[in-house]
Amino acid sequence: MTMPEERTKAILETRHFLETLLASEDEIMWGLVRTMAARLLRHYPQDVDLGVSALALPGVWAPPEDKQS
């Protein structure tokens, strides 16, 4: 089970990872990218987590869109 601290850390580290990729002028090493993506997604919030957050903080989060439409 993912704890709130792990979820928050995943959000912050994912942003940092994406900013690093954007700023890099080096050739991308796809193996490293896949490894980092897997590690970050382990505790990344699911749709249900975003839905609960949207109910609690509607000024901060929007509910996730229904994927079936």
PDB file of N, CA and C in Angstrom:
ATOM      1  N   MET A   1       0.846  -1.169   0.000  1.00  0.00           N
ATOM      2  CA  MET A   1       0.000   0.000   0.000  1.00  0.00           C
ATOM      3  C   MET A   1       0.897   1.240   0.000  1.00  0.00           C
ATOM      4  N   THR A   2       0.536   2.194  -0.808  1.00  0.00           N
ATOM      5  CA  THR A   2       1.288   3.445  -0.891  1.00  0.00           C
ATOM      6  C   THR A   2       0.835   4.389   0.208  1.00  0.00           C
ATOM      7  N   MET A   3       1.799   4.944   0.903  1.00  0.00           N
ATOM      8  CA  MET A   3       1.526   5.896   1.976  1.00  0.00           C
ATOM      9  C   MET A   3       1.494   7.310   1.392  1.00  0.00           C
ATOM     10  N   PRO A   4       0.808   8.250   2.041  1.00  0.00           N
ATOM     11  CA  PRO A   4       0.742   9.622   1.531  1.00  0.00           C
ATOM     12  C   PRO A   4       2.117  10.241   1.276  1.00  0.00           C
ATOM     13  N   GLU A   5       3.070   9.953   2.144  1.00  0.00           N
ATOM     14  CA  GLU A   5       4.418  10.511   1.957  1.00  0.00           C
ATOM     15  C   GLU A   5       5.054   9.993   0.667  1.00  0.00           C
ATOM     16  N   GLU A   6       4.833   8.707   0.375  1.00  0.00           N
ATOM     17  CA  GLU A   6       5.385   8.118  -0.851  1.00  0.00           C
ATOM     18  C   GLU A   6       4.721   8.727  -2.079  1.00  0.00           C
ATOM     19  N   ARG A   7       3.413   8.964  -1.997  1.00  0.00           N
ATOM     20  CA  ARG A   7       2.679   9.543  -3.114  1.00  0.00           C
ATOM     21  C   ARG A   7       3.171  10.964  -3.399  1.00  0.00           C
ATOM     22  N   THR A   8       3.334  11.756  -2.342  1.00  0.00           N
ATOM     23  CA  THR A   8       3.833  13.127  -2.504  1.00  0.00           C
ATOM     24  C   THR A   8       5.244  13.119  -3.075  1.00  0.00           C
ATOM     25  N   LYS A   9       6.082  12.233  -2.559  1.00  0.00           N
ATOM     26  CA  LYS A   9       7.457  12.129  -3.055  1.00  0.00           C
ATOM     27  C   LYS A   9       7.468  11.746  -4.537  1.00  0.00           C
ATOM     28  N   ALA A  10       6.579  10.856  -4.947  1.00  0.00           N
ATOM     29  CA  ALA A  10       6.497  10.449  -6.359  1.00  0.00           C
ATOM     30  C   ALA A  10       6.141  11.635  -7.252  1.00  0.00           C
ATOM     31  N   ILE A  11       5.202  12.459  -6.808  1.00  0.00           N
ATOM     32  CA  ILE A  11       4.818  13.641  -7.585  1.00  0.00           C
ATOM     33  C   ILE A  11       6.009  14.589  -7.729  1.00  0.00           C
ATOM     34  N   LEU A  12       6.670  14.890  -6.626  1.00  0.00           N
ATOM     35  CA  LEU A  12       7.797  15.824  -6.655  1.00  0.00           C
ATOM     36  C   LEU A  12       8.964  15.284  -7.471  1.00  0.00           C
ATOM     37  N   GLU A  13       9.287  14.010  -7.294  1.00  0.00           N
ATOM     38  CA  GLU A  13      10.401  13.428  -8.028  1.00  0.00           C
ATOM     39  C   GLU A  13      10.088  13.282  -9.513  1.00  0.00           C
ATOM     40  N   THR A  14       8.839  13.039  -9.859  1.00  0.00           N
ATOM     41  CA  THR A  14       8.466  12.941 -11.268  1.00  0.00           C
ATOM     42  C   THR A  14       8.627  14.291 -11.952  1.00  0.00           C
ATOM     43  N   ARG A  15       8.191  15.356 -11.278  1.00  0.00           N
ATOM     44  CA  ARG A  15       8.378  16.690 -11.855  1.00  0.00           C
ATOM     45  C   ARG A  15       9.866  16.965 -12.073  1.00  0.00           C
ATOM     46  N   HIS A  16      10.687  16.651 -11.070  1.00  0.00           N
ATOM     47  CA  HIS A  16      12.134  16.870 -11.197  1.00  0.00           C
ATOM     48  C   HIS A  16      12.709  16.048 -12.349  1.00  0.00           C
ATOM     49  N   PHE A  17      12.285  14.803 -12.467  1.00  0.00           N
ATOM     50  CA  PHE A  17      12.748  13.924 -13.547  1.00  0.00           C
ATOM     51  C   PHE A  17      12.384  14.500 -14.914  1.00  0.00           C
ATOM     52  N   LEU A  18      11.157  14.964 -15.063  1.00  0.00           N
ATOM     53  CA  LEU A  18      10.730  15.540 -16.341  1.00  0.00           C
ATOM     54  C   LEU A  18      11.471  16.840 -16.647  1.00  0.00           C
ATOM     55  N   GLU A  19      11.716  17.658 -15.626  1.00  0.00           N
ATOM     56  CA  GLU A  19      12.484  18.892 -15.823  1.00  0.00           C
ATOM     57  C   GLU A  19      13.916  18.570 -16.241  1.00  0.00           C
ATOM     58  N   THR A  20      14.498  17.540 -15.658  1.00  0.00           N
ATOM     59  CA  THR A  20      15.853  17.113 -16.014  1.00  0.00           C
ATOM     60  C   THR A  20      15.902  16.634 -17.454  1.00  0.00           C
ATOM     61  N   LEU A  21      14.922  15.835 -17.870  1.00  0.00           N
ATOM     62  CA  LEU A  21      14.868  15.379 -19.265  1.00  0.00           C
ATOM     63  C   LEU A  21      14.756  16.554 -20.221  1.00  0.00           C
ATOM     64  N   LEU A  22      13.905  17.507 -19.875  1.00  0.00           N
ATOM     65  CA  LEU A  22      13.700  18.672 -20.731  1.00  0.00           C
ATOM     66  C   LEU A  22      14.972  19.503 -20.871  1.00  0.00           C
ATOM     67  N   ALA A  23      15.708  19.655 -19.784  1.00  0.00           N
ATOM     68  CA  ALA A  23      16.911  20.491 -19.785  1.00  0.00           C
ATOM     69  C   ALA A  23      18.125  19.802 -20.402  1.00  0.00           C
ATOM     70  N   SER A  24      18.065  18.487 -20.521  1.00  0.00           N
ATOM     71  CA  SER A  24      19.224  17.735 -20.999  1.00  0.00           C
ATOM     72  C   SER A  24      19.450  17.921 -22.493  1.00  0.00           C
ATOM     73  N   GLU A  25      20.708  18.094 -22.837  1.00  0.00           N
ATOM     74  CA  GLU A  25      21.082  18.154 -24.249  1.00  0.00           C
ATOM     75  C   GLU A  25      21.795  16.873 -24.668  1.00  0.00           C
ATOM     76  N   ASP A  26      21.927  15.943 -23.735  1.00  0.00           N
ATOM     77  CA  ASP A  26      22.586  14.667 -23.995  1.00  0.00           C
ATOM     78  C   ASP A  26      21.643  13.718 -24.713  1.00  0.00           C
ATOM     79  N   GLU A  27      22.237  12.745 -25.368  1.00  0.00           N
ATOM     80  CA  GLU A  27      21.464  11.656 -25.968  1.00  0.00           C
ATOM     81  C   GLU A  27      20.752  10.921 -24.829  1.00  0.00           C
ATOM     82  N   ILE A  28      19.492  10.646 -25.008  1.00  0.00           N
ATOM     83  CA  ILE A  28      18.714   9.983 -23.955  1.00  0.00           C
ATOM     84  C   ILE A  28      19.059   8.501 -23.907  1.00  0.00           C
ATOM     85  N   MET A  29      19.302   8.014 -22.695  1.00  0.00           N
ATOM     86  CA  MET A  29      19.550   6.592 -22.490  1.00  0.00           C
ATOM     87  C   MET A  29      18.225   5.960 -22.091  1.00  0.00           C
ATOM     88  N   TRP A  30      17.576   5.305 -23.036  1.00  0.00           N
ATOM     89  CA  TRP A  30      16.221   4.809 -22.813  1.00  0.00           C
ATOM     90  C   TRP A  30      16.127   3.784 -21.694  1.00  0.00           C
ATOM     91  N   GLY A  31      17.148   2.999 -21.457  1.00  0.00           N
ATOM     92  CA  GLY A  31      17.119   2.058 -20.342  1.00  0.00           C
ATOM     93  C   GLY A  31      16.987   2.780 -19.006  1.00  0.00           C
ATOM     94  N   LEU A  32      17.740   3.864 -18.852  1.00  0.00           N
ATOM     95  CA  LEU A  32      17.671   4.658 -17.629  1.00  0.00           C
ATOM     96  C   LEU A  32      16.301   5.321 -17.508  1.00  0.00           C
ATOM     97  N   VAL A  33      15.786   5.840 -18.605  1.00  0.00           N
ATOM     98  CA  VAL A  33      14.472   6.482 -18.588  1.00  0.00           C
ATOM     99  C   VAL A  33      13.405   5.482 -18.163  1.00  0.00           C
ATOM    100  N   ARG A  34      13.450   4.268 -18.712  1.00  0.00           N
ATOM    101  CA  ARG A  34      12.464   3.246 -18.350  1.00  0.00           C
ATOM    102  C   ARG A  34      12.584   2.851 -16.876  1.00  0.00           C
ATOM    103  N   THR A  35      13.802   2.727 -16.381  1.00  0.00           N
ATOM    104  CA  THR A  35      14.013   2.381 -14.978  1.00  0.00           C
ATOM    105  C   THR A  35      13.460   3.465 -14.061  1.00  0.00           C
ATOM    106  N   MET A  36      13.764   4.720 -14.379  1.00  0.00           N
ATOM    107  CA  MET A  36      13.268   5.832 -13.563  1.00  0.00           C
ATOM    108  C   MET A  36      11.749   5.935 -13.637  1.00  0.00           C
ATOM    109  N   ALA A  37      11.189   5.762 -14.822  1.00  0.00           N
ATOM    110  CA  ALA A  37       9.728   5.831 -14.980  1.00  0.00           C
ATOM    111  C   ALA A  37       9.056   4.755 -14.132  1.00  0.00           C
ATOM    112  N   ALA A  38       9.574   3.553 -14.148  1.00  0.00           N
ATOM    113  CA  ALA A  38       8.998   2.463 -13.353  1.00  0.00           C
ATOM    114  C   ALA A  38       9.084   2.776 -11.862  1.00  0.00           C
ATOM    115  N   ARG A  39      10.205   3.315 -11.416  1.00  0.00           N
ATOM    116  CA  ARG A  39      10.380   3.639  -9.997  1.00  0.00           C
ATOM    117  C   ARG A  39       9.418   4.745  -9.571  1.00  0.00           C
ATOM    118  N   LEU A  40       9.285   5.773 -10.404  1.00  0.00           N
ATOM    119  CA  LEU A  40       8.402   6.885 -10.062  1.00  0.00           C
ATOM    120  C   LEU A  40       6.929   6.496 -10.103  1.00  0.00           C
ATOM    121  N   LEU A  41       6.557   5.648 -11.037  1.00  0.00           N
ATOM    122  CA  LEU A  41       5.154   5.250 -11.159  1.00  0.00           C
ATOM    123  C   LEU A  41       4.707   4.304 -10.050  1.00  0.00           C
ATOM    124  N   ARG A  42       5.638   3.710  -9.348  1.00  0.00           N
ATOM    125  CA  ARG A  42       5.275   2.760  -8.283  1.00  0.00           C
ATOM    126  C   ARG A  42       4.330   3.386  -7.258  1.00  0.00           C
ATOM    127  N   HIS A  43       4.572   4.636  -6.894  1.00  0.00           N
ATOM    128  CA  HIS A  43       3.742   5.312  -5.898  1.00  0.00           C
ATOM    129  C   HIS A  43       2.997   6.507  -6.479  1.00  0.00           C
ATOM    130  N   TYR A  44       2.968   6.624  -7.797  1.00  0.00           N
ATOM    131  CA  TYR A  44       2.275   7.749  -8.435  1.00  0.00           C
ATOM    132  C   TYR A  44       0.770   7.602  -8.214  1.00  0.00           C
ATOM    133  N   PRO A  45       0.055   8.695  -7.961  1.00  0.00           N
ATOM    134  CA  PRO A  45      -1.377   8.587  -7.675  1.00  0.00           C
ATOM    135  C   PRO A  45      -2.173   7.953  -8.818  1.00  0.00           C
ATOM    136  N   GLN A  46      -3.137   7.122  -8.428  1.00  0.00           N
ATOM    137  CA  GLN A  46      -4.055   6.501  -9.377  1.00  0.00           C
ATOM    138  C   GLN A  46      -5.264   7.425  -9.563  1.00  0.00           C
ATOM    139  N   ASP A  47      -6.127   7.112 -10.529  1.00  0.00           N
ATOM    140  CA  ASP A  47      -7.323   7.918 -10.767  1.00  0.00           C
ATOM    141  C   ASP A  47      -8.184   8.048  -9.512  1.00  0.00           C
ATOM    142  N   VAL A  48      -8.306   6.956  -8.755  1.00  0.00           N
ATOM    143  CA  VAL A  48      -9.124   6.999  -7.539  1.00  0.00           C
ATOM    144  C   VAL A  48      -8.537   7.982  -6.531  1.00  0.00           C
ATOM    145  N   ASP A  49      -7.210   8.059  -6.441  1.00  0.00           N
ATOM    146  CA  ASP A  49      -6.565   9.008  -5.536  1.00  0.00           C
ATOM    147  C   ASP A  49      -6.849  10.445  -5.965  1.00  0.00           C
ATOM    148  N   LEU A  50      -6.805  10.686  -7.269  1.00  0.00           N
ATOM    149  CA  LEU A  50      -7.094  12.023  -7.777  1.00  0.00           C
ATOM    150  C   LEU A  50      -8.551  12.387  -7.550  1.00  0.00           C
ATOM    151  N   GLY A  51      -9.442  11.402  -7.689  1.00  0.00           N
ATOM    152  CA  GLY A  51     -10.863  11.648  -7.446  1.00  0.00           C
ATOM    153  C   GLY A  51     -11.127  12.047  -6.003  1.00  0.00           C
ATOM    154  N   VAL A  52     -10.515  11.344  -5.074  1.00  0.00           N
ATOM    155  CA  VAL A  52     -10.666  11.665  -3.649  1.00  0.00           C
ATOM    156  C   VAL A  52     -10.087  13.047  -3.371  1.00  0.00           C
ATOM    157  N   SER A  53      -8.934  13.334  -3.945  1.00  0.00           N
ATOM    158  CA  SER A  53      -8.308  14.647  -3.751  1.00  0.00           C
ATOM    159  C   SER A  53      -9.177  15.755  -4.326  1.00  0.00           C
ATOM    160  N   ALA A  54      -9.806  15.496  -5.469  1.00  0.00           N
ATOM    161  CA  ALA A  54     -10.680  16.491  -6.097  1.00  0.00           C
ATOM    162  C   ALA A  54     -11.895  16.781  -5.222  1.00  0.00           C
ATOM    163  N   LEU A  55     -12.431  15.761  -4.586  1.00  0.00           N
ATOM    164  CA  LEU A  55     -13.567  15.980  -3.681  1.00  0.00           C
ATOM    165  C   LEU A  55     -13.160  16.802  -2.464  1.00  0.00           C
ATOM    166  N   ALA A  56     -11.979  16.531  -1.946  1.00  0.00           N
ATOM    167  CA  ALA A  56     -11.507  17.226  -0.746  1.00  0.00           C
ATOM    168  C   ALA A  56     -11.009  18.637  -1.051  1.00  0.00           C
ATOM    169  N   LEU A  57     -10.401  18.813  -2.218  1.00  0.00           N
ATOM    170  CA  LEU A  57      -9.793  20.103  -2.584  1.00  0.00           C
ATOM    171  C   LEU A  57     -10.183  20.495  -4.008  1.00  0.00           C
ATOM    172  N   PRO A  58     -11.449  20.841  -4.241  1.00  0.00           N
ATOM    173  CA  PRO A  58     -11.886  21.142  -5.602  1.00  0.00           C
ATOM    174  C   PRO A  58     -11.211  22.364  -6.225  1.00  0.00           C
ATOM    175  N   GLY A  59     -10.645  23.226  -5.401  1.00  0.00           N
ATOM    176  CA  GLY A  59      -9.922  24.377  -5.934  1.00  0.00           C
ATOM    177  C   GLY A  59      -8.512  24.049  -6.381  1.00  0.00           C
ATOM    178  N   VAL A  60      -8.060  22.838  -6.061  1.00  0.00           N
ATOM    179  CA  VAL A  60      -6.698  22.416  -6.395  1.00  0.00           C
ATOM    180  C   VAL A  60      -6.700  21.324  -7.454  1.00  0.00           C
ATOM    181  N   TRP A  61      -7.607  20.345  -7.325  1.00  0.00           N
ATOM    182  CA  TRP A  61      -7.655  19.187  -8.216  1.00  0.00           C
ATOM    183  C   TRP A  61      -9.000  19.110  -8.925  1.00  0.00           C
ATOM    184  N   ALA A  62      -8.982  18.615 -10.137  1.00  0.00           N
ATOM    185  CA  ALA A  62     -10.207  18.293 -10.872  1.00  0.00           C
ATOM    186  C   ALA A  62     -10.331  16.769 -10.897  1.00  0.00           C
ATOM    187  N   PRO A  63     -11.564  16.265 -10.908  1.00  0.00           N
ATOM    188  CA  PRO A  63     -11.704  14.816 -10.978  1.00  0.00           C
ATOM    189  C   PRO A  63     -11.161  14.290 -12.306  1.00  0.00           C
ATOM    190  N   PRO A  64     -10.591  13.093 -12.306  1.00  0.00           N
ATOM    191  CA  PRO A  64     -10.090  12.538 -13.562  1.00  0.00           C
ATOM    192  C   PRO A  64     -11.243  12.285 -14.513  1.00  0.00           C
ATOM    193  N   GLU A  65     -10.969  12.457 -15.806  1.00  0.00           N
ATOM    194  CA  GLU A  65     -11.994  12.212 -16.819  1.00  0.00           C
ATOM    195  C   GLU A  65     -12.260  10.734 -16.943  1.00  0.00           C
ATOM    196  N   ASP A  66     -13.487  10.391 -17.274  1.00  0.00           N
ATOM    197  CA  ASP A  66     -13.866   8.997 -17.493  1.00  0.00           C
ATOM    198  C   ASP A  66     -13.190   8.507 -18.765  1.00  0.00           C
ATOM    199  N   LYS A  67     -12.422   7.432 -18.673  1.00  0.00           N
ATOM    200  CA  LYS A  67     -11.659   6.904 -19.827  1.00  0.00           C
ATOM    201  C   LYS A  67     -12.557   6.141 -20.802  1.00  0.00           C
ATOM    202  N   GLN A  68     -13.780   5.823 -20.425  1.00  0.00           N
ATOM    203  CA  GLN A  68     -14.645   5.020 -21.276  1.00  0.00           C
ATOM    204  C   GLN A  68     -15.395   5.837 -22.316  1.00  0.00           C
ATOM    205  N   SER A  69     -15.310   7.174 -22.274  1.00  0.00           N
ATOM    206  CA  SER A  69     -16.052   7.951 -23.248  1.00  0.00           C
ATOM    207  C   SER A  69     -15.316   8.120 -24.542  1.00  0.00           C
TER     208      SER A  69
END
